[in-house]
Amino acid sequence: MEHLQQSRREERLARYEQVITLHKQGVSQAGIARQVGMGASTVQRWLAAGTFPERKPREQASQVDRYLPYLRERWEDGCHNMAHLFGELTEQGYQGSYASVRDTLVRLLPTGHKNQACCESVTPALPTSRQAAFLLLRRPEKLCIEEQEQLSKLRLIHPEVDLAYDLVQQFARMLRTRTGAEYLDTWLDQVEHSNLPELQSFVTGVKKDKAAVRAGLTWRINNGMVEGHVTKLKLIKRQGYGRAGFPLLRKRVLHAL
């Protein structure tokens, strides 16, 4: 990033020198703008400044900024466990990412020997959203010891996370055991009475075609083979797009099937 910023600064400096040279030669501001390829107002501003106009770095507000006093106080109290501090901010309404809190702590707060005695337990770094989704969807018996520990820590963050895990596992179990006819209605009621808008949105989509979903969670037959052939046909078609006609496409399709 720094190399890119330096390159852009050098480019602007070269254009500024070109503007000054043309101005000394008596070229009008409109003529300078046409030759240099920039706006006439920019040329006027550069000439009025008299020196090379340095760009000030953009200052972007962070969601963590409003919690900085609290973070400083907790850090000075001796709690240097970043994951624990992130959990405390979440309880106070913070909606940003763990990475933002970590980067802020590393950049602004005092460093040194970390004292985690104030925290009841040493909490490891939270998994990413992709890793969390994997842990919630995977069969519990197939998780290794480390993944089981991560899942346990994840479920302890908030009761809603624990509830989401139970509901996701119930739906996955229906899908694997084909018991949608028995448990789908009960599962839909549980989600509707929960405080999980993401799953409630999923339930809204399920209800729009409930009969098809129930069939997919009950019947042993499915259209997986048909969808596989459709994907293969689309691949063959796109490989020959603009280079072959229908006769070759027909032969390739028949050969593939």
Protein backbone atom coordinates (compact mmCIF):
# COMPACT_ATOMS: atom_id res chain seq x y z
CA MET A 1 0.00 0.00 0.00
CA GLU A 2 2.79 2.45 0.86
CA HIS A 3 4.53 1.69 -2.45
CA LEU A 4 1.28 2.41 -4.32
CA GLN A 5 0.78 5.70 -2.48
CA GLN A 6 4.37 6.74 -3.22
CA SER A 7 3.91 5.90 -6.91
CA ARG A 8 0.74 8.00 -7.08
CA ARG A 9 2.48 10.91 -5.35
CA GLU A 10 5.32 10.81 -7.88
CA GLU A 11 2.81 10.78 -10.72
CA ARG A 12 1.02 13.86 -9.31
CA LEU A 13 4.35 15.60 -8.77
CA ALA A 14 5.32 15.03 -12.41
CA ARG A 15 2.00 16.46 -13.58
CA TYR A 16 2.43 19.46 -11.25
CA GLU A 17 5.87 20.20 -12.71
CA GLN A 18 4.40 19.93 -16.20
CA VAL A 19 1.68 22.43 -15.24
CA ILE A 20 4.25 24.89 -13.90
CA THR A 21 6.42 24.54 -17.02
CA LEU A 22 3.51 25.21 -19.37
CA HIS A 23 2.38 28.16 -17.25
CA LYS A 24 5.85 29.72 -17.47
CA GLN A 25 5.70 29.29 -21.25
CA GLY A 26 2.56 31.44 -21.32
CA VAL A 27 0.03 28.69 -22.00
CA SER A 28 -3.46 29.51 -20.74
CA GLN A 29 -5.02 27.51 -17.94
CA ALA A 30 -7.53 25.94 -20.32
CA GLY A 31 -4.70 24.95 -22.67
CA ILE A 32 -2.72 23.47 -19.76
CA ALA A 33 -5.77 21.44 -18.71
CA ARG A 34 -6.14 20.02 -22.24
CA GLN A 35 -2.47 19.12 -22.60
CA VAL A 36 -2.04 17.61 -19.14
CA GLY A 37 -5.44 15.90 -19.16
CA MET A 38 -6.95 17.35 -16.01
CA GLY A 39 -9.70 19.76 -14.99
CA ALA A 40 -9.25 23.50 -15.44
CA SER A 41 -10.32 24.09 -11.83
CA THR A 42 -7.54 21.78 -10.63
CA VAL A 43 -4.99 23.67 -12.71
CA GLN A 44 -6.23 26.96 -11.27
CA ARG A 45 -6.02 25.62 -7.71
CA TRP A 46 -2.49 24.25 -8.22
CA LEU A 47 -1.25 27.53 -9.67
CA ALA A 48 -2.86 29.55 -6.88
CA ALA A 49 -1.26 27.35 -4.21
CA GLY A 50 2.26 28.14 -5.41
CA THR A 51 3.63 24.84 -4.10
CA PHE A 52 2.99 21.19 -4.72
CA PRO A 53 -0.37 20.35 -3.09
CA GLU A 54 0.22 17.39 -0.81
CA ARG A 55 -2.76 15.13 -0.22
CA LYS A 56 -3.78 14.61 3.37
CA PRO A 57 -4.40 10.97 4.30
CA ARG A 58 -8.03 10.09 4.68
CA GLU A 59 -9.22 9.65 8.22
CA GLN A 60 -11.89 6.98 8.44
CA ALA A 61 -13.94 6.65 11.57
CA SER A 62 -14.03 3.21 13.12
CA GLN A 63 -16.80 1.60 15.12
CA VAL A 64 -14.23 0.90 17.81
CA ASP A 65 -13.51 4.60 18.41
CA ARG A 66 -16.48 5.14 20.74
CA TYR A 67 -15.31 2.24 22.91
CA LEU A 68 -11.68 3.38 23.20
CA PRO A 69 -12.05 4.88 26.72
CA TYR A 70 -13.53 1.61 27.97
CA LEU A 71 -10.81 -0.43 26.26
CA ARG A 72 -8.08 1.74 27.78
CA GLU A 73 -9.61 1.36 31.23
CA ARG A 74 -9.89 -2.42 30.95
CA TRP A 75 -6.35 -2.65 29.52
CA GLU A 76 -4.94 -0.61 32.41
CA ASP A 77 -6.83 -2.87 34.84
CA GLY A 78 -4.70 -5.73 33.49
CA CYS A 79 -7.13 -7.52 31.16
CA HIS A 80 -5.14 -8.05 27.94
CA ASN A 81 -7.23 -10.90 26.55
CA MET A 82 -8.45 -9.49 23.22
CA ALA A 83 -11.14 -12.10 22.64
CA HIS A 84 -12.56 -11.46 26.11
CA LEU A 85 -12.57 -7.69 25.52
CA PHE A 86 -14.29 -8.25 22.18
CA GLY A 87 -17.01 -10.21 23.96
CA GLU A 88 -17.51 -7.36 26.44
CA LEU A 89 -17.86 -4.83 23.62
CA THR A 90 -20.39 -7.07 21.87
CA GLU A 91 -22.51 -7.09 25.02
CA GLN A 92 -22.43 -3.27 24.96
CA GLY A 93 -23.76 -3.15 21.40
CA TYR A 94 -20.59 -3.22 19.30
CA GLN A 95 -21.38 -4.64 15.85
CA GLY A 96 -17.95 -4.53 14.25
CA SER A 97 -15.49 -7.36 13.68
CA TYR A 98 -13.04 -8.99 16.05
CA ALA A 99 -10.19 -8.03 13.70
CA SER A 100 -10.99 -4.32 14.13
CA VAL A 101 -10.81 -4.61 17.91
CA ARG A 102 -7.56 -6.57 17.73
CA ASP A 103 -5.92 -4.12 15.32
CA THR A 104 -6.99 -1.17 17.47
CA LEU A 105 -5.55 -2.75 20.60
CA VAL A 106 -2.26 -3.54 18.88
CA ARG A 107 -1.96 -0.05 17.35
CA LEU A 108 -3.09 2.25 20.15
CA LEU A 109 -2.90 0.60 23.55
CA PRO A 110 0.24 -0.01 25.62
CA THR A 111 2.16 -3.18 24.96
CA GLY A 112 4.17 -5.33 27.32
CA HIS A 113 3.65 -8.45 29.37
CA LYS A 114 0.05 -9.57 29.12
CA ASN A 115 -1.73 -10.18 32.40
CA GLN A 116 -4.86 -12.28 31.90
CA ALA A 117 -5.59 -12.90 35.55
CA CYS A 118 -8.63 -10.62 35.44
CA CYS A 119 -10.37 -12.88 32.97
CA GLU A 120 -12.09 -15.94 34.30
CA SER A 121 -10.85 -18.06 31.42
CA VAL A 122 -8.34 -17.64 28.65
CA THR A 123 -10.42 -17.44 25.48
CA PRO A 124 -8.69 -18.34 22.20
CA ALA A 125 -9.12 -16.23 19.10
CA LEU A 126 -12.63 -16.48 17.72
CA PRO A 127 -13.08 -18.40 14.45
CA THR A 128 -13.91 -16.53 11.27
CA SER A 129 -17.46 -16.51 9.90
CA ARG A 130 -16.55 -19.24 7.39
CA GLN A 131 -14.99 -21.40 10.10
CA ALA A 132 -17.98 -20.82 12.39
CA ALA A 133 -20.40 -21.90 9.65
CA PHE A 134 -18.33 -25.06 9.13
CA LEU A 135 -18.44 -25.87 12.86
CA LEU A 136 -22.20 -25.32 13.06
CA LEU A 137 -22.99 -27.49 10.04
CA ARG A 138 -20.57 -30.38 10.48
CA ARG A 139 -21.57 -33.58 12.24
CA PRO A 140 -20.46 -33.41 15.89
CA GLU A 141 -18.89 -36.88 15.78
CA LYS A 142 -16.63 -35.83 12.89
CA LEU A 143 -15.10 -32.84 14.70
CA CYS A 144 -11.57 -33.20 16.01
CA ILE A 145 -10.71 -32.25 19.60
CA GLU A 146 -9.55 -28.76 18.63
CA GLU A 147 -12.71 -28.12 16.60
CA GLN A 148 -14.87 -29.36 19.48
CA GLU A 149 -13.16 -26.88 21.80
CA GLN A 150 -13.71 -24.05 19.31
CA LEU A 151 -17.38 -25.01 18.98
CA SER A 152 -17.81 -25.06 22.77
CA LYS A 153 -16.27 -21.60 23.08
CA LEU A 154 -18.42 -20.36 20.22
CA ARG A 155 -21.64 -21.58 21.84
CA LEU A 156 -20.71 -19.88 25.12
CA ILE A 157 -20.44 -16.43 23.50
CA HIS A 158 -24.19 -15.82 23.51
CA PRO A 159 -27.38 -17.88 24.05
CA GLU A 160 -28.50 -17.06 20.51
CA VAL A 161 -25.40 -18.78 19.09
CA ASP A 162 -26.18 -21.87 21.15
CA LEU A 163 -29.80 -21.85 19.97
CA ALA A 164 -28.73 -21.36 16.34
CA TYR A 165 -26.43 -24.38 16.61
CA ASP A 166 -29.24 -26.60 17.94
CA LEU A 167 -31.64 -25.49 15.19
CA VAL A 168 -29.09 -25.92 12.42
CA GLN A 169 -28.18 -29.40 13.66
CA GLN A 170 -31.86 -30.37 13.82
CA PHE A 171 -32.40 -29.35 10.20
CA ALA A 172 -29.23 -31.13 9.09
CA ARG A 173 -30.39 -34.27 10.91
CA MET A 174 -33.75 -34.11 9.10
CA LEU A 175 -31.91 -33.83 5.81
CA ARG A 176 -29.63 -36.79 6.51
CA THR A 177 -32.28 -39.10 7.99
CA ARG A 178 -35.15 -38.06 5.67
CA THR A 179 -37.51 -37.36 8.59
CA GLY A 180 -38.91 -34.07 7.35
CA ALA A 181 -42.48 -35.39 7.35
CA GLU A 182 -42.30 -35.91 11.14
CA TYR A 183 -40.25 -32.96 12.37
CA LEU A 184 -40.40 -30.16 9.77
CA ASP A 185 -43.49 -28.42 11.21
CA THR A 186 -42.06 -28.54 14.74
CA TRP A 187 -38.76 -27.14 13.53
CA LEU A 188 -40.49 -24.29 11.68
CA ASP A 189 -42.42 -23.35 14.84
CA GLN A 190 -39.22 -23.32 16.91
CA VAL A 191 -37.51 -20.98 14.46
CA GLU A 192 -40.53 -18.65 14.31
CA HIS A 193 -40.52 -18.29 18.10
CA SER A 194 -36.76 -17.73 18.22
CA ASN A 195 -34.99 -14.38 17.99
CA LEU A 196 -32.87 -15.33 15.00
CA PRO A 197 -33.79 -13.17 11.98
CA GLU A 198 -31.40 -15.04 9.67
CA LEU A 199 -33.12 -18.39 10.27
CA GLN A 200 -36.54 -16.73 10.25
CA SER A 201 -35.79 -15.40 6.77
CA PHE A 202 -34.83 -18.94 5.73
CA VAL A 203 -38.14 -20.24 7.12
CA THR A 204 -40.04 -17.63 5.10
CA GLY A 205 -38.49 -19.05 1.94
CA VAL A 206 -39.26 -22.61 3.02
CA LYS A 207 -42.94 -21.83 3.54
CA LYS A 208 -43.25 -20.46 0.00
CA ASP A 209 -42.65 -23.98 -1.34
CA LYS A 210 -43.23 -26.08 1.76
CA ALA A 211 -44.48 -29.15 -0.08
CA ALA A 212 -41.31 -29.38 -2.19
CA VAL A 213 -39.10 -28.88 0.88
CA ARG A 214 -40.99 -31.58 2.76
CA ALA A 215 -40.56 -33.93 -0.17
CA GLY A 216 -36.85 -33.19 -0.33
CA LEU A 217 -36.53 -33.97 3.39
CA THR A 218 -38.57 -37.17 3.10
CA TRP A 219 -38.16 -38.96 -0.22
CA ARG A 220 -35.10 -40.98 -1.10
CA ILE A 221 -35.31 -39.95 -4.76
CA ASN A 222 -34.00 -36.57 -5.91
CA ASN A 223 -33.04 -34.66 -9.05
CA GLY A 224 -29.32 -34.66 -8.30
CA MET A 225 -28.46 -36.69 -11.41
CA VAL A 226 -30.54 -34.39 -13.63
CA GLU A 227 -28.81 -31.30 -12.22
CA GLY A 228 -25.45 -32.96 -12.78
CA HIS A 229 -26.22 -33.57 -16.46
CA VAL A 230 -27.45 -29.98 -16.85
CA THR A 231 -24.18 -28.67 -15.40
CA LYS A 232 -22.19 -30.89 -17.77
CA LEU A 233 -24.21 -29.70 -20.80
CA LYS A 234 -23.66 -26.05 -19.86
CA LEU A 235 -19.93 -26.65 -19.55
CA ILE A 236 -19.73 -28.24 -22.99
CA LYS A 237 -21.80 -25.44 -24.53
CA ARG A 238 -19.62 -22.71 -23.04
CA GLN A 239 -16.41 -24.43 -24.13
CA GLY A 240 -17.55 -24.28 -27.76
CA TYR A 241 -19.14 -20.83 -27.64
CA GLY A 242 -18.03 -18.74 -30.64
CA ARG A 243 -15.82 -21.52 -32.02
CA ALA A 244 -18.14 -24.35 -33.06
CA GLY A 245 -21.62 -24.94 -34.45
CA PHE A 246 -24.48 -27.19 -33.50
CA PRO A 247 -23.19 -30.37 -35.25
CA LEU A 248 -20.02 -30.44 -33.13
CA LEU A 249 -22.01 -29.55 -30.01
CA ARG A 250 -24.38 -32.47 -30.67
CA LYS A 251 -21.50 -34.93 -31.07
CA ARG A 252 -19.76 -33.76 -27.91
CA VAL A 253 -22.98 -34.00 -25.90
CA LEU A 254 -23.75 -37.51 -27.15
CA HIS A 255 -20.17 -38.58 -26.47
CA ALA A 256 -20.27 -37.19 -22.94
CA LEU A 257 -23.55 -38.93 -22.12
